[in-house]
Amino acid sequence: MLLRPHPVSARVDGLRPTRQKLPVGVASAVSSGEDQLAEVLAENKRLRASLDKAVKINDKMWTGIVDLHLLPKDQQANGNATS
């Protein structure tokens, strides 16, 4: 049995774009864009680390305020509590 390509698929292959090299100016712009992307990703990483640190500080302060105002005096974590 001999299999031949379907005529429709041959026409579709002709419609697919061919890969071409980018001109020098475009290639350098892409490289510059990649550098900017790397800088943005590095800044994003630094900002996320700062945010995580701030969230931890906020949580610690919030817990302290809640403990101070809502817990009975003998259960507060201010050094005067009895365990």
C-alpha atoms as a PDB file:
ATOM      1  CA  MET A   1       0.000   0.000   0.000  1.00  0.00           C
ATOM      2  CA  LEU A   2       1.405   3.377  -0.972  1.00  0.00           C
ATOM      3  CA  LEU A   3       0.516   6.406   1.201  1.00  0.00           C
ATOM      4  CA  ARG A   4       0.671   9.849  -0.297  1.00  0.00           C
ATOM      5  CA  PRO A   5       0.282  13.198   1.494  1.00  0.00           C
ATOM      6  CA  HIS A   6      -3.189  14.634   1.443  1.00  0.00           C
ATOM      7  CA  PRO A   7      -3.419  17.555  -1.024  1.00  0.00           C
ATOM      8  CA  VAL A   8      -4.884  19.867   1.633  1.00  0.00           C
ATOM      9  CA  SER A   9      -1.935  19.339   4.027  1.00  0.00           C
ATOM     10  CA  ALA A  10       0.500  20.186   1.232  1.00  0.00           C
ATOM     11  CA  ARG A  11      -1.281  23.498   0.699  1.00  0.00           C
ATOM     12  CA  VAL A  12      -1.264  24.249   4.436  1.00  0.00           C
ATOM     13  CA  ASP A  13       2.490  23.630   4.620  1.00  0.00           C
ATOM     14  CA  GLY A  14       2.938  26.272   1.930  1.00  0.00           C
ATOM     15  CA  LEU A  15       1.105  28.811   4.100  1.00  0.00           C
ATOM     16  CA  ARG A  16       3.348  28.389   7.133  1.00  0.00           C
ATOM     17  CA  PRO A  17       5.812  31.247   7.573  1.00  0.00           C
ATOM     18  CA  THR A  18       9.487  30.490   7.151  1.00  0.00           C
ATOM     19  CA  ARG A  19      11.962  31.462   9.845  1.00  0.00           C
ATOM     20  CA  GLN A  20      14.220  34.328   8.916  1.00  0.00           C
ATOM     21  CA  LYS A  21      17.126  35.971  10.684  1.00  0.00           C
ATOM     22  CA  LEU A  22      16.328  39.267  12.346  1.00  0.00           C
ATOM     23  CA  PRO A  23      18.103  42.399  11.134  1.00  0.00           C
ATOM     24  CA  VAL A  24      20.973  43.583  13.337  1.00  0.00           C
ATOM     25  CA  GLY A  25      19.015  46.502  14.805  1.00  0.00           C
ATOM     26  CA  VAL A  26      16.096  44.274  15.745  1.00  0.00           C
ATOM     27  CA  ALA A  27      18.399  41.655  17.254  1.00  0.00           C
ATOM     28  CA  SER A  28      20.063  44.266  19.473  1.00  0.00           C
ATOM     29  CA  ALA A  29      16.657  45.594  20.524  1.00  0.00           C
ATOM     30  CA  VAL A  30      15.628  42.075  21.504  1.00  0.00           C
ATOM     31  CA  SER A  31      18.859  41.693  23.469  1.00  0.00           C
ATOM     32  CA  SER A  32      18.213  45.025  25.185  1.00  0.00           C
ATOM     33  CA  GLY A  33      14.682  43.887  25.994  1.00  0.00           C
ATOM     34  CA  GLU A  34      16.033  40.685  27.512  1.00  0.00           C
ATOM     35  CA  ASP A  35      18.431  42.735  29.674  1.00  0.00           C
ATOM     36  CA  GLN A  36      15.553  44.919  30.846  1.00  0.00           C
ATOM     37  CA  LEU A  37      13.508  41.808  31.602  1.00  0.00           C
ATOM     38  CA  ALA A  38      16.358  40.396  33.701  1.00  0.00           C
ATOM     39  CA  GLU A  39      16.572  43.688  35.624  1.00  0.00           C
ATOM     40  CA  VAL A  40      12.818  43.726  36.236  1.00  0.00           C
ATOM     41  CA  LEU A  41      12.862  40.121  37.423  1.00  0.00           C
ATOM     42  CA  ALA A  42      15.749  40.862  39.807  1.00  0.00           C
ATOM     43  CA  GLU A  43      13.914  43.908  41.179  1.00  0.00           C
ATOM     44  CA  ASN A  44      10.743  41.842  41.544  1.00  0.00           C
ATOM     45  CA  LYS A  45      12.699  39.280  43.577  1.00  0.00           C
ATOM     46  CA  ARG A  46      14.117  42.004  45.864  1.00  0.00           C
ATOM     47  CA  LEU A  47      10.684  43.578  46.333  1.00  0.00           C
ATOM     48  CA  ARG A  48       9.092  40.231  47.187  1.00  0.00           C
ATOM     49  CA  ALA A  49      11.785  39.593  49.798  1.00  0.00           C
ATOM     50  CA  SER A  50      11.146  43.034  51.303  1.00  0.00           C
ATOM     51  CA  LEU A  51       7.408  42.408  51.294  1.00  0.00           C
ATOM     52  CA  ASP A  52       7.845  39.059  53.044  1.00  0.00           C
ATOM     53  CA  LYS A  53       9.985  40.735  55.712  1.00  0.00           C
ATOM     54  CA  ALA A  54       7.409  43.524  56.187  1.00  0.00           C
ATOM     55  CA  VAL A  55       4.564  40.986  56.441  1.00  0.00           C
ATOM     56  CA  LYS A  56       6.431  39.083  59.165  1.00  0.00           C
ATOM     57  CA  ILE A  57       7.034  42.298  61.126  1.00  0.00           C
ATOM     58  CA  ASN A  58       3.381  43.299  60.703  1.00  0.00           C
ATOM     59  CA  ASP A  59       2.172  39.884  61.876  1.00  0.00           C
ATOM     60  CA  LYS A  60       4.420  40.040  64.931  1.00  0.00           C
ATOM     61  CA  MET A  61       3.211  43.558  65.815  1.00  0.00           C
ATOM     62  CA  TRP A  62      -0.451  42.580  65.267  1.00  0.00           C
ATOM     63  CA  THR A  63      -0.080  39.535  67.506  1.00  0.00           C
ATOM     64  CA  GLY A  64       1.514  41.723  70.175  1.00  0.00           C
ATOM     65  CA  ILE A  65      -1.317  44.269  70.057  1.00  0.00           C
ATOM     66  CA  VAL A  66      -3.996  41.571  70.161  1.00  0.00           C
ATOM     67  CA  ASP A  67      -2.258  39.840  73.076  1.00  0.00           C
ATOM     68  CA  LEU A  68      -1.924  43.143  74.915  1.00  0.00           C
ATOM     69  CA  HIS A  69      -5.579  44.103  74.588  1.00  0.00           C
ATOM     70  CA  LEU A  70      -7.463  40.819  74.514  1.00  0.00           C
ATOM     71  CA  LEU A  71      -5.610  38.314  76.655  1.00  0.00           C
ATOM     72  CA  PRO A  72      -5.967  38.354  80.424  1.00  0.00           C
ATOM     73  CA  LYS A  73      -2.995  39.936  82.227  1.00  0.00           C
ATOM     74  CA  ASP A  74      -1.676  36.565  83.443  1.00  0.00           C
ATOM     75  CA  GLN A  75      -1.483  35.177  79.847  1.00  0.00           C
ATOM     76  CA  GLN A  76       0.244  38.134  78.162  1.00  0.00           C
ATOM     77  CA  ALA A  77       3.718  37.539  76.752  1.00  0.00           C
ATOM     78  CA  ASN A  78       5.328  40.622  78.276  1.00  0.00           C
ATOM     79  CA  GLY A  79       7.640  38.843  80.678  1.00  0.00           C
ATOM     80  CA  ASN A  80       5.265  39.026  83.651  1.00  0.00           C
ATOM     81  CA  ALA A  81       3.289  35.919  82.717  1.00  0.00           C
ATOM     82  CA  THR A  82       3.513  32.831  84.864  1.00  0.00           C
ATOM     83  CA  SER A  83       3.974  29.542  83.072  1.00  0.00           C
END
